[in-house]
Every structure is written in structure tokens, then in C-alpha cells.
C-alpha atoms as a PDB file:
ATOM      1  CA  MET A   1      -5.084  97.899  64.600  1.00  0.00           C
ATOM      2  CA  PRO A   2      -7.739  96.492  62.239  1.00  0.00           C
ATOM      3  CA  PHE A   3      -7.421  96.583  58.466  1.00  0.00           C
ATOM      4  CA  GLY A   4      -9.976  99.363  58.219  1.00  0.00           C
ATOM      5  CA  VAL A   5     -12.139 100.187  55.226  1.00  0.00           C
ATOM      6  CA  VAL A   6     -11.786 101.512  51.692  1.00  0.00           C
ATOM      7  CA  LYS A   7     -14.235 104.053  50.305  1.00  0.00           C
ATOM      8  CA  LEU A   8     -15.990 103.075  47.087  1.00  0.00           C
ATOM      9  CA  ASN A   9     -17.018 105.382  44.255  1.00  0.00           C
ATOM     10  CA  ASP A  10     -20.668 105.183  45.329  1.00  0.00           C
ATOM     11  CA  GLY A  11     -19.909 106.572  48.782  1.00  0.00           C
ATOM     12  CA  THR A  12     -20.118 103.270  50.660  1.00  0.00           C
ATOM     13  CA  GLU A  13     -17.182 101.583  52.388  1.00  0.00           C
ATOM     14  CA  ILE A  14     -15.755  98.088  51.989  1.00  0.00           C
ATOM     15  CA  PRO A  15     -13.577  96.291  54.580  1.00  0.00           C
ATOM     16  CA  ALA A  16     -10.036  96.050  53.239  1.00  0.00           C
ATOM     17  CA  ILE A  17      -9.790  92.288  53.780  1.00  0.00           C
ATOM     18  CA  ALA A  18     -12.344  89.537  53.170  1.00  0.00           C
ATOM     19  CA  PHE A  19     -12.722  85.877  54.030  1.00  0.00           C
ATOM     20  CA  GLY A  20     -13.444  83.958  50.820  1.00  0.00           C
ATOM     21  CA  THR A  21     -15.629  80.864  50.665  1.00  0.00           C
ATOM     22  CA  GLY A  22     -14.548  79.610  47.243  1.00  0.00           C
ATOM     23  CA  SER A  23     -11.510  77.386  46.529  1.00  0.00           C
ATOM     24  CA  ALA A  24     -11.275  74.882  49.410  1.00  0.00           C
ATOM     25  CA  LEU A  25     -14.878  75.520  50.486  1.00  0.00           C
ATOM     26  CA  PHE A  26     -16.347  75.164  46.995  1.00  0.00           C
ATOM     27  CA  ARG A  27     -19.631  73.216  47.226  1.00  0.00           C
ATOM     28  CA  LYS A  28     -18.913  72.486  50.892  1.00  0.00           C
ATOM     29  CA  ASP A  29     -20.535  73.405  54.179  1.00  0.00           C
ATOM     30  CA  ALA A  30     -18.941  76.731  55.113  1.00  0.00           C
ATOM     31  CA  THR A  31     -20.752  77.184  58.440  1.00  0.00           C
ATOM     32  CA  GLU A  32     -17.939  76.559  60.913  1.00  0.00           C
ATOM     33  CA  TYR A  33     -15.342  78.315  58.771  1.00  0.00           C
ATOM     34  CA  VAL A  34     -17.417  81.472  58.366  1.00  0.00           C
ATOM     35  CA  GLU A  35     -18.151  81.476  62.088  1.00  0.00           C
ATOM     36  CA  GLN A  36     -14.444  80.987  62.838  1.00  0.00           C
ATOM     37  CA  ALA A  37     -13.448  83.808  60.468  1.00  0.00           C
ATOM     38  CA  LEU A  38     -15.907  86.192  62.093  1.00  0.00           C
ATOM     39  CA  GLU A  39     -14.759  85.210  65.574  1.00  0.00           C
ATOM     40  CA  THR A  40     -11.135  85.785  64.529  1.00  0.00           C
ATOM     41  CA  GLY A  41     -11.878  89.323  63.397  1.00  0.00           C
ATOM     42  CA  PHE A  42     -13.023  89.244  59.778  1.00  0.00           C
ATOM     43  CA  SER A  43     -16.169  91.251  59.024  1.00  0.00           C
ATOM     44  CA  HIS A  44     -16.267  90.820  55.245  1.00  0.00           C
ATOM     45  CA  ILE A  45     -17.439  87.493  53.806  1.00  0.00           C
ATOM     46  CA  ASP A  46     -17.023  86.863  50.078  1.00  0.00           C
ATOM     47  CA  THR A  47     -19.118  84.137  48.441  1.00  0.00           C
ATOM     48  CA  ALA A  48     -20.807  83.396  45.092  1.00  0.00           C
ATOM     49  CA  ALA A  49     -23.796  81.529  43.721  1.00  0.00           C
ATOM     50  CA  ILE A  50     -21.522  79.050  41.958  1.00  0.00           C
ATOM     51  CA  TYR A  51     -19.716  78.203  45.206  1.00  0.00           C
ATOM     52  CA  GLY A  52     -22.876  76.409  46.301  1.00  0.00           C
ATOM     53  CA  ASN A  53     -22.534  77.497  49.928  1.00  0.00           C
ATOM     54  CA  GLU A  54     -24.509  80.738  50.294  1.00  0.00           C
ATOM     55  CA  ASP A  55     -26.956  78.961  52.615  1.00  0.00           C
ATOM     56  CA  THR A  56     -24.199  77.720  54.927  1.00  0.00           C
ATOM     57  CA  VAL A  57     -22.539  81.133  54.830  1.00  0.00           C
ATOM     58  CA  ALA A  58     -25.830  82.462  56.200  1.00  0.00           C
ATOM     59  CA  LYS A  59     -25.834  79.797  58.893  1.00  0.00           C
ATOM     60  CA  GLY A  60     -22.290  80.707  59.930  1.00  0.00           C
ATOM     61  CA  VAL A  61     -23.267  84.383  60.102  1.00  0.00           C
ATOM     62  CA  ARG A  62     -26.307  83.593  62.251  1.00  0.00           C
ATOM     63  CA  GLU A  63     -24.320  81.399  64.609  1.00  0.00           C
ATOM     64  CA  SER A  64     -21.709  84.127  65.041  1.00  0.00           C
ATOM     65  CA  GLY A  65     -24.325  86.257  66.771  1.00  0.00           C
ATOM     66  CA  LEU A  66     -23.039  89.427  65.113  1.00  0.00           C
ATOM     67  CA  ASN A  67     -25.345  92.205  64.058  1.00  0.00           C
ATOM     68  CA  ARG A  68     -26.024  92.648  60.343  1.00  0.00           C
ATOM     69  CA  SER A  69     -24.660  96.185  60.581  1.00  0.00           C
ATOM     70  CA  ASP A  70     -21.284  94.769  61.652  1.00  0.00           C
ATOM     71  CA  LEU A  71     -20.992  92.584  58.551  1.00  0.00           C
ATOM     72  CA  TYR A  72     -20.199  93.089  54.894  1.00  0.00           C
ATOM     73  CA  ILE A  73     -21.416  90.404  52.497  1.00  0.00           C
ATOM     74  CA  THR A  74     -20.303  90.016  48.891  1.00  0.00           C
ATOM     75  CA  THR A  75     -21.825  87.502  46.503  1.00  0.00           C
ATOM     76  CA  LYS A  76     -21.707  87.035  42.755  1.00  0.00           C
ATOM     77  CA  TYR A  77     -24.023  86.456  39.821  1.00  0.00           C
ATOM     78  CA  ASP A  78     -23.274  83.204  38.000  1.00  0.00           C
ATOM     79  CA  GLY A  79     -25.843  82.984  35.217  1.00  0.00           C
ATOM     80  CA  GLY A  80     -29.542  82.898  34.448  1.00  0.00           C
ATOM     81  CA  ASP A  81     -32.071  85.689  34.810  1.00  0.00           C
ATOM     82  CA  ILE A  82     -30.297  88.418  36.755  1.00  0.00           C
ATOM     83  CA  GLN A  83     -33.272  89.595  38.813  1.00  0.00           C
ATOM     84  CA  SER A  84     -34.152  86.012  39.760  1.00  0.00           C
ATOM     85  CA  ALA A  85     -30.520  85.233  40.566  1.00  0.00           C
ATOM     86  CA  VAL A  86     -30.062  88.097  43.003  1.00  0.00           C
ATOM     87  CA  ARG A  87     -33.302  87.219  44.803  1.00  0.00           C
ATOM     88  CA  THR A  88     -32.254  83.590  45.057  1.00  0.00           C
ATOM     89  CA  SER A  89     -28.949  84.675  46.600  1.00  0.00           C
ATOM     90  CA  LEU A  90     -30.742  86.981  49.027  1.00  0.00           C
ATOM     91  CA  THR A  91     -33.000  84.120  50.118  1.00  0.00           C
ATOM     92  CA  LYS A  92     -30.111  81.706  50.596  1.00  0.00           C
ATOM     93  CA  LEU A  93     -28.072  84.313  52.450  1.00  0.00           C
ATOM     94  CA  ASP A  94     -31.104  85.263  54.548  1.00  0.00           C
ATOM     95  CA  LEU A  95     -30.534  88.941  53.772  1.00  0.00           C
ATOM     96  CA  LYS A  96     -32.654  91.902  52.777  1.00  0.00           C
ATOM     97  CA  HIS A  97     -29.769  93.387  50.848  1.00  0.00           C
ATOM     98  CA  ILE A  98     -26.297  92.417  49.661  1.00  0.00           C
ATOM     99  CA  ASP A  99     -23.457  94.813  50.363  1.00  0.00           C
ATOM    100  CA  LEU A 100     -21.675  94.067  47.087  1.00  0.00           C
ATOM    101  CA  TYR A 101     -23.055  92.150  44.088  1.00  0.00           C
ATOM    102  CA  LEU A 102     -20.640  91.229  41.312  1.00  0.00           C
ATOM    103  CA  ILE A 103     -20.812  89.779  37.815  1.00  0.00           C
ATOM    104  CA  HIS A 104     -18.558  86.799  38.445  1.00  0.00           C
ATOM    105  CA  PHE A 105     -17.251  86.315  34.894  1.00  0.00           C
ATOM    106  CA  PRO A 106     -17.478  88.529  31.801  1.00  0.00           C
ATOM    107  CA  ARG A 107     -18.471  85.558  29.625  1.00  0.00           C
ATOM    108  CA  LEU A 108     -21.805  85.454  31.488  1.00  0.00           C
ATOM    109  CA  VAL A 109     -22.830  88.797  29.979  1.00  0.00           C
ATOM    110  CA  GLU A 110     -20.584  89.246  26.942  1.00  0.00           C
ATOM    111  CA  LYS A 111     -23.464  88.889  24.457  1.00  0.00           C
ATOM    112  CA  ASN A 112     -25.593  91.515  26.190  1.00  0.00           C
ATOM    113  CA  LEU A 113     -23.222  93.488  28.403  1.00  0.00           C
ATOM    114  CA  GLU A 114     -25.074  96.806  28.271  1.00  0.00           C
ATOM    115  CA  THR A 115     -28.520  95.407  29.103  1.00  0.00           C
ATOM    116  CA  SER A 116     -27.086  93.073  31.737  1.00  0.00           C
ATOM    117  CA  TRP A 117     -25.404  95.983  33.490  1.00  0.00           C
ATOM    118  CA  GLN A 118     -28.677  97.898  33.353  1.00  0.00           C
ATOM    119  CA  GLU A 119     -30.191  95.015  35.340  1.00  0.00           C
ATOM    120  CA  PHE A 120     -27.402  95.413  37.890  1.00  0.00           C
ATOM    121  CA  GLU A 121     -28.067  99.131  38.066  1.00  0.00           C
ATOM    122  CA  LYS A 122     -31.722  98.333  38.765  1.00  0.00           C
ATOM    123  CA  ILE A 123     -30.645  95.998  41.574  1.00  0.00           C
ATOM    124  CA  LYS A 124     -28.781  98.874  43.185  1.00  0.00           C
ATOM    125  CA  GLU A 125     -31.607 101.346  42.586  1.00  0.00           C
ATOM    126  CA  ASP A 126     -34.090  98.899  44.146  1.00  0.00           C
ATOM    127  CA  GLY A 127     -31.928  98.567  47.251  1.00  0.00           C
ATOM    128  CA  LEU A 128     -31.183  94.871  46.782  1.00  0.00           C
ATOM    129  CA  ALA A 129     -27.455  95.630  46.707  1.00  0.00           C
ATOM    130  CA  LYS A 130     -25.682  98.647  48.133  1.00  0.00           C
ATOM    131  CA  SER A 131     -22.856  98.384  45.607  1.00  0.00           C
ATOM    132  CA  ILE A 132     -22.435  96.650  42.278  1.00  0.00           C
ATOM    133  CA  GLY A 133     -19.337  95.589  40.430  1.00  0.00           C
ATOM    134  CA  VAL A 134     -17.588  92.980  38.340  1.00  0.00           C
ATOM    135  CA  SER A 135     -15.051  90.204  38.650  1.00  0.00           C
ATOM    136  CA  ASN A 136     -12.391  88.865  36.299  1.00  0.00           C
ATOM    137  CA  PHE A 137     -12.842  91.712  33.791  1.00  0.00           C
ATOM    138  CA  ASN A 138      -9.769  92.628  31.769  1.00  0.00           C
ATOM    139  CA  LEU A 139      -8.993  96.171  30.640  1.00  0.00           C
ATOM    140  CA  GLU A 140     -10.905  96.008  27.352  1.00  0.00           C
ATOM    141  CA  GLN A 141     -13.982  94.467  28.973  1.00  0.00           C
ATOM    142  CA  LEU A 142     -14.013  97.042  31.752  1.00  0.00           C
ATOM    143  CA  GLN A 143     -13.602  99.909  29.286  1.00  0.00           C
ATOM    144  CA  LEU A 144     -16.523  98.590  27.233  1.00  0.00           C
ATOM    145  CA  LEU A 145     -18.732  98.424  30.317  1.00  0.00           C
ATOM    146  CA  VAL A 146     -17.807 101.872  31.632  1.00  0.00           C
ATOM    147  CA  LYS A 147     -18.486 103.386  28.210  1.00  0.00           C
ATOM    148  CA  THR A 148     -22.250 102.754  28.508  1.00  0.00           C
ATOM    149  CA  ALA A 149     -22.730 102.465  32.275  1.00  0.00           C
ATOM    150  CA  LYS A 150     -24.936 104.894  34.125  1.00  0.00           C
ATOM    151  CA  ILE A 151     -23.444 103.621  37.386  1.00  0.00           C
ATOM    152  CA  VAL A 152     -19.712 102.881  37.178  1.00  0.00           C
ATOM    153  CA  PRO A 153     -18.751  99.552  38.791  1.00  0.00           C
ATOM    154  CA  ALA A 154     -17.525 100.014  42.337  1.00  0.00           C
ATOM    155  CA  VAL A 155     -15.197  97.007  42.261  1.00  0.00           C
ATOM    156  CA  ASN A 156     -13.358  94.667  39.912  1.00  0.00           C
ATOM    157  CA  GLN A 157     -12.235  91.483  41.671  1.00  0.00           C
ATOM    158  CA  ILE A 158      -9.338  89.783  39.886  1.00  0.00           C
ATOM    159  CA  ASN A 159      -6.627  87.205  40.355  1.00  0.00           C
ATOM    160  CA  PHE A 160      -3.725  89.384  41.512  1.00  0.00           C
ATOM    161  CA  HIS A 161      -0.235  88.615  42.780  1.00  0.00           C
ATOM    162  CA  PRO A 162       3.385  89.669  42.138  1.00  0.00           C
ATOM    163  CA  TYR A 163       3.725  87.431  39.092  1.00  0.00           C
ATOM    164  CA  ASN A 164       0.831  89.018  37.190  1.00  0.00           C
ATOM    165  CA  TYR A 165       1.124  92.576  38.513  1.00  0.00           C
ATOM    166  CA  ALA A 166       3.007  93.796  35.437  1.00  0.00           C
ATOM    167  CA  SER A 167       0.292  92.494  33.105  1.00  0.00           C
ATOM    168  CA  HIS A 168      -2.406  94.138  35.260  1.00  0.00           C
ATOM    169  CA  LYS A 169      -0.781  97.572  35.629  1.00  0.00           C
ATOM    170  CA  ALA A 170      -2.804  99.183  32.839  1.00  0.00           C
ATOM    171  CA  LEU A 171      -6.003  97.690  34.266  1.00  0.00           C
ATOM    172  CA  LEU A 172      -5.205  99.001  37.745  1.00  0.00           C
ATOM    173  CA  GLU A 173      -4.398 102.448  36.399  1.00  0.00           C
ATOM    174  CA  TYR A 174      -7.654 102.591  34.433  1.00  0.00           C
ATOM    175  CA  SER A 175      -9.628 101.399  37.463  1.00  0.00           C
ATOM    176  CA  ALA A 176      -8.026 104.017  39.687  1.00  0.00           C
ATOM    177  CA  LYS A 177      -8.841 106.733  37.131  1.00  0.00           C
ATOM    178  CA  HIS A 178     -12.529 105.779  37.324  1.00  0.00           C
ATOM    179  CA  GLY A 179     -12.611 105.188  41.062  1.00  0.00           C
ATOM    180  CA  ILE A 180     -13.011 101.429  40.651  1.00  0.00           C
ATOM    181  CA  ILE A 181     -11.451  99.542  43.548  1.00  0.00           C
ATOM    182  CA  THR A 182      -9.525  96.396  42.707  1.00  0.00           C
ATOM    183  CA  GLU A 183     -10.072  93.328  44.875  1.00  0.00           C
ATOM    184  CA  ALA A 184      -7.529  90.513  44.806  1.00  0.00           C
ATOM    185  CA  TYR A 185      -7.918  86.783  45.099  1.00  0.00           C
ATOM    186  CA  GLY A 186      -5.081  84.299  44.620  1.00  0.00           C
ATOM    187  CA  SER A 187      -2.513  86.717  46.018  1.00  0.00           C
ATOM    188  CA  LEU A 188      -0.547  83.952  47.755  1.00  0.00           C
ATOM    189  CA  THR A 189       0.111  82.160  44.451  1.00  0.00           C
ATOM    190  CA  PRO A 190       3.921  82.679  44.743  1.00  0.00           C
ATOM    191  CA  ILE A 191       3.802  80.608  47.932  1.00  0.00           C
ATOM    192  CA  THR A 192       0.977  78.134  47.351  1.00  0.00           C
ATOM    193  CA  LYS A 193       1.308  77.382  43.628  1.00  0.00           C
ATOM    194  CA  THR A 194       4.655  78.616  42.292  1.00  0.00           C
ATOM    195  CA  PRO A 195       7.198  78.445  45.121  1.00  0.00           C
ATOM    196  CA  GLY A 196      10.869  78.670  44.300  1.00  0.00           C
ATOM    197  CA  GLY A 197      10.499  81.562  41.875  1.00  0.00           C
ATOM    198  CA  PRO A 198      12.247  84.953  41.675  1.00  0.00           C
ATOM    199  CA  VAL A 199       9.818  86.597  44.118  1.00  0.00           C
ATOM    200  CA  ASP A 200      10.943  84.363  46.978  1.00  0.00           C
ATOM    201  CA  LYS A 201      14.216  86.237  47.563  1.00  0.00           C
ATOM    202  CA  PRO A 202      12.903  89.824  47.982  1.00  0.00           C
ATOM    203  CA  VAL A 203       9.935  88.550  49.969  1.00  0.00           C
ATOM    204  CA  ALA A 204      12.227  86.619  52.321  1.00  0.00           C
ATOM    205  CA  ALA A 205      14.458  89.674  52.767  1.00  0.00           C
ATOM    206  CA  ALA A 206      11.485  91.887  53.676  1.00  0.00           C
ATOM    207  CA  ALA A 207      10.112  89.199  55.982  1.00  0.00           C
ATOM    208  CA  LYS A 208      13.442  89.043  57.819  1.00  0.00           C
ATOM    209  CA  ARG A 209      13.530  92.812  58.289  1.00  0.00           C
ATOM    210  CA  LEU A 210       9.954  92.973  59.559  1.00  0.00           C
ATOM    211  CA  GLY A 211      10.042  89.798  61.628  1.00  0.00           C
ATOM    212  CA  ALA A 212       7.087  88.631  59.561  1.00  0.00           C
ATOM    213  CA  SER A 213       6.202  85.605  57.439  1.00  0.00           C
ATOM    214  CA  PRO A 214       6.477  85.554  53.631  1.00  0.00           C
ATOM    215  CA  VAL A 215       2.671  85.248  53.534  1.00  0.00           C
ATOM    216  CA  GLN A 216       2.350  88.476  55.481  1.00  0.00           C
ATOM    217  CA  VAL A 217       4.828  90.271  53.243  1.00  0.00           C
ATOM    218  CA  ILE A 218       2.875  89.386  50.109  1.00  0.00           C
ATOM    219  CA  LEU A 219      -0.418  90.479  51.672  1.00  0.00           C
ATOM    220  CA  LYS A 220       1.264  93.707  52.786  1.00  0.00           C
ATOM    221  CA  TRP A 221       2.441  94.220  49.212  1.00  0.00           C
ATOM    222  CA  VAL A 222      -1.156  93.792  48.006  1.00  0.00           C
ATOM    223  CA  GLN A 223      -2.437  96.209  50.639  1.00  0.00           C
ATOM    224  CA  GLN A 224       0.137  98.835  49.667  1.00  0.00           C
ATOM    225  CA  LYS A 225      -0.964  98.557  46.045  1.00  0.00           C
ATOM    226  CA  GLY A 226      -4.321  99.898  47.261  1.00  0.00           C
ATOM    227  CA  VAL A 227      -6.007  96.566  46.593  1.00  0.00           C
ATOM    228  CA  VAL A 228      -8.619  94.874  48.817  1.00  0.00           C
ATOM    229  CA  ILE A 229      -7.555  91.371  49.883  1.00  0.00           C
ATOM    230  CA  VAL A 230      -9.745  88.275  49.539  1.00  0.00           C
ATOM    231  CA  THR A 231      -8.144  85.284  51.216  1.00  0.00           C
ATOM    232  CA  THR A 232      -9.123  82.111  53.039  1.00  0.00           C
ATOM    233  CA  SER A 233      -7.994  79.317  55.314  1.00  0.00           C
ATOM    234  CA  SER A 234      -9.594  76.618  57.425  1.00  0.00           C
ATOM    235  CA  ARG A 235      -7.014  77.205  60.158  1.00  0.00           C
ATOM    236  CA  LYS A 236      -7.512  79.900  62.753  1.00  0.00           C
ATOM    237  CA  GLU A 237      -3.785  80.549  63.131  1.00  0.00           C
ATOM    238  CA  HIS A 238      -3.570  81.436  59.453  1.00  0.00           C
ATOM    239  CA  LEU A 239      -6.525  83.804  59.711  1.00  0.00           C
ATOM    240  CA  THR A 240      -4.833  85.494  62.668  1.00  0.00           C
ATOM    241  CA  GLU A 241      -1.632  85.717  60.613  1.00  0.00           C
ATOM    242  CA  TYR A 242      -3.505  87.431  57.777  1.00  0.00           C
ATOM    243  CA  LEU A 243      -5.206  89.972  60.039  1.00  0.00           C
ATOM    244  CA  ALA A 244      -1.899  90.791  61.754  1.00  0.00           C
ATOM    245  CA  VAL A 245      -0.674  92.240  58.450  1.00  0.00           C
ATOM    246  CA  ALA A 246      -2.541  95.440  59.336  1.00  0.00           C
ATOM    247  CA  ASP A 247      -0.142  95.965  62.255  1.00  0.00           C
ATOM    248  CA  LEU A 248       3.036  95.531  60.213  1.00  0.00           C
ATOM    249  CA  PRO A 249       5.111  98.565  59.243  1.00  0.00           C
ATOM    250  CA  ASP A 250       4.909  99.382  55.557  1.00  0.00           C
ATOM    251  CA  LEU A 251       7.279  97.800  53.091  1.00  0.00           C
ATOM    252  CA  THR A 252       9.869 100.281  51.873  1.00  0.00           C
ATOM    253  CA  ASP A 253       9.729 101.635  48.337  1.00  0.00           C
ATOM    254  CA  GLU A 254      12.837  99.595  47.598  1.00  0.00           C
ATOM    255  CA  GLU A 255      11.241  96.386  48.888  1.00  0.00           C
ATOM    256  CA  ILE A 256       8.104  96.947  46.804  1.00  0.00           C
ATOM    257  CA  ALA A 257      10.219  97.695  43.728  1.00  0.00           C
ATOM    258  CA  ALA A 258      12.265  94.528  44.300  1.00  0.00           C
ATOM    259  CA  ILE A 259       9.107  92.401  44.518  1.00  0.00           C
ATOM    260  CA  ASP A 260       7.689  94.102  41.418  1.00  0.00           C
ATOM    261  CA  GLU A 261      10.903  93.503  39.485  1.00  0.00           C
ATOM    262  CA  ALA A 262      11.137  89.866  40.556  1.00  0.00           C
ATOM    263  CA  GLY A 263       7.475  89.312  39.766  1.00  0.00           C
ATOM    264  CA  ALA A 264       7.927  90.691  36.260  1.00  0.00           C
ATOM    265  CA  LYS A 265      10.352  87.842  35.556  1.00  0.00           C
ATOM    266  CA  GLY A 266       7.516  85.381  36.024  1.00  0.00           C
ATOM    267  CA  PRO A 267       7.360  82.272  38.183  1.00  0.00           C
ATOM    268  CA  THR A 268       9.764  79.401  37.797  1.00  0.00           C
ATOM    269  CA  SER A 269       7.994  76.888  35.575  1.00  0.00           C
ATOM    270  CA  PRO A 270       8.032  73.123  36.242  1.00  0.00           C
ATOM    271  CA  MET A 271      10.301  72.728  33.213  1.00  0.00           C
ATOM    272  CA  GLN A 272      12.697  75.339  34.561  1.00  0.00           C
ATOM    273  CA  LYS A 273      12.699  73.603  37.938  1.00  0.00           C
ATOM    274  CA  ARG A 274      13.504  70.287  36.269  1.00  0.00           C
ATOM    275  CA  ASN A 275      16.255  71.922  34.238  1.00  0.00           C
ATOM    276  CA  MET A 276      17.687  73.506  37.380  1.00  0.00           C
ATOM    277  CA  ALA A 277      17.596  70.136  39.142  1.00  0.00           C
ATOM    278  CA  VAL A 278      19.282  68.420  36.199  1.00  0.00           C
ATOM    279  CA  LYS A 279      21.901  71.181  36.031  1.00  0.00           C
ATOM    280  CA  ALA A 280      22.575  70.869  39.761  1.00  0.00           C
ATOM    281  CA  PHE A 281      22.893  67.087  39.438  1.00  0.00           C
ATOM    282  CA  LEU A 282      25.250  67.337  36.453  1.00  0.00           C
ATOM    283  CA  THR A 283      27.336  69.935  38.268  1.00  0.00           C
ATOM    284  CA  PHE A 284      27.564  67.671  41.313  1.00  0.00           C
ATOM    285  CA  ALA A 285      28.391  64.658  39.107  1.00  0.00           C
ATOM    286  CA  PHE A 286      31.124  66.595  37.307  1.00  0.00           C
ATOM    287  CA  LEU A 287      32.661  67.807  40.550  1.00  0.00           C
ATOM    288  CA  TRP A 288      32.516  64.289  41.974  1.00  0.00           C
ATOM    289  CA  PHE A 289      34.157  62.947  38.797  1.00  0.00           C
ATOM    290  CA  CYS A 290      36.921  65.576  39.070  1.00  0.00           C
ATOM    291  CA  PHE A 291      37.448  64.691  42.702  1.00  0.00           C
ATOM    292  CA  ARG A 292      37.703  60.985  41.909  1.00  0.00           C
ATOM    293  CA  VAL A 293      40.110  61.611  39.033  1.00  0.00           C
ATOM    294  CA  THR A 294      42.274  63.795  41.251  1.00  0.00           C
ATOM    295  CA  TRP A 295      42.196  61.250  44.064  1.00  0.00           C
ATOM    296  CA  ILE A 296      43.037  58.336  41.754  1.00  0.00           C
ATOM    297  CA  SER A 297      45.839  60.347  40.121  1.00  0.00           C
ATOM    298  CA  SER A 298      47.333  61.185  43.495  1.00  0.00           C
ATOM    299  CA  ARG A 299      47.136  57.545  44.572  1.00  0.00           C
ATOM    300  CA  LEU A 300      48.827  56.435  41.374  1.00  0.00           C
ATOM    301  CA  ALA A 301      51.534  59.026  41.865  1.00  0.00           C
ATOM    302  CA  VAL A 302      52.176  57.755  45.402  1.00  0.00           C
ATOM    303  CA  LEU A 303      52.329  54.168  44.166  1.00  0.00           C
ATOM    304  CA  LEU A 304      54.774  55.047  41.370  1.00  0.00           C
ATOM    305  CA  MET A 305      57.010  56.993  43.739  1.00  0.00           C
ATOM    306  CA  SER A 306      57.125  54.092  46.173  1.00  0.00           C
ATOM    307  CA  LYS A 307      58.506  51.724  43.521  1.00  0.00           C
END
């Protein structure tokens, strides 16, 4: 069963999982990786002007042989004249329209947010993008934009994982109230960047019950939060692993609550890890010392008794 689609507030639909061409593919040739992702079963490709690979994304799409109607392409504005920027992206992507065009960072438009968003609205009205949205906007920034927007953003793409869920709850609730879909990048942070933290235990328990990997459990958690997943890998087996999440049974309410609760504690910091290692070493050293003292005492007792 495929991941399916999520309906946006403008009536269009977005695939519920995307292959991202940032991070490891930043400023690199993405051709073979985009082609591999599409062959594996992804239909949504997420890129950005600043990634420096829109042209090779286009090449990968062409070499896949898929029809444009079978694809969903997201790219992002990263500075300069907005109308010129979107046309440059369209040229590099070899497209007549973008499915989703995002403001990559709020700092790009913070001095003229209202007029900048009006330019985005014009992009949609002119048919250059089917949907428009934002990325990395916090609650206050999103509220400020919605206050003056004629067209409410369809999407807000943010860094989202169990360790920052608690801090994002108000943002997610506000987005849901206004029909703004949240997209997540960096969701595998508990595994790739902060392993050994509190989230590991409930994730491992759910993985054991489902016969799944911890990676799949975290992506399932994201999916069940109603959030669109943006993920990446250069390895086909990992892409297959990600797509297989759609076939997993849902996490139970208890499992989701356990992950939420563990995530709220925050990841284990490097300092905490060092302290834990030192504590473990000192505990071992103390136990070894006690053992040696006990052994020496017993030997002395034997020697004294033999005299």
C-alpha cells in the first residue's frame, strides 16, 4: 500500500512522503539519486534553489521516464527578486509549473513579509506554482503572515522529530486550525544525531512489537501526527525501508504517548553521555576495588588461620 496523499487547503493534493535533495546532496549532482528514488516508488521530490542541484533533479526526472502528471515537485525561494527566482527555478527544473513553492527561511522576507507574500500569491495566480507555502516559520512568524495573507500558506516545512515535538505543539495546533499542513525534515534525528537518548527505549519496544526498524517506527510516529515526511538516502534499501512504513500497522496510543513523553525529556547531550560514562567507570572501579579488598581479606584470613 503506498503512502497516499494529503489534501491541502487550496484543494490540491501532496504525496505524504518526499525524497529530499538537501543535506547529503547539497551542491552535488542529484541525477542518479533522484532517478533511484523515483524507481523505488517515490513520486514527490523536494529541492531548493540553495541546494544547487535543481538542474540535476530535472535530469534525474527526465531519465526516470515518468510522466509529469505522475510527479510532485517542491522547490524553495532562497533570496533575490521573487519573480526572477521562481522563473530561474522553473528553467533549471525544466518545468512549466512547480507543484509547491516555499519561502525557505523567514529571514529572507522578514523586512517585507506582506509584500513578499503578495508576490507568492501572484506566482500562484499566474499558474507558476499550484501551491505556495513556507518553511522554518515559527508560530509568531506564521501568525503574522496569515494575518495579512489573501491566500493562506498550504504548507509549513519544519525540522520535526520526537525531541522537538513538545516545543512545536502550539505551532502544529495553529497550523491545523488554518488548514496548513506541516511537512517534516530531520525526523530521524534521534537515530542519526542524538542516539542513546530517552526516545530509544519506547521506539525499540514499538519496533519489537511491529517487527519493524527504529527508523520505521519514528517515521510512523511522524505520519500519525498528520505530518508529511521529507527524508533522503543514497541507498536503495533505505528508501525501500522508508516506503514500507505505509504498510505497518499503526502505533498504539500508548506507544505514541510513550514516545512523546520520552521526547519531552530532550536528547542525551554529549556532556550527559560523558557523565554517564564516567559514572559507569567509577561504579565499575568501586565494585572492582570492593572485590579486591574482599579477596585480599579472605586470603589474609586463610593465611592467619593456617599459622
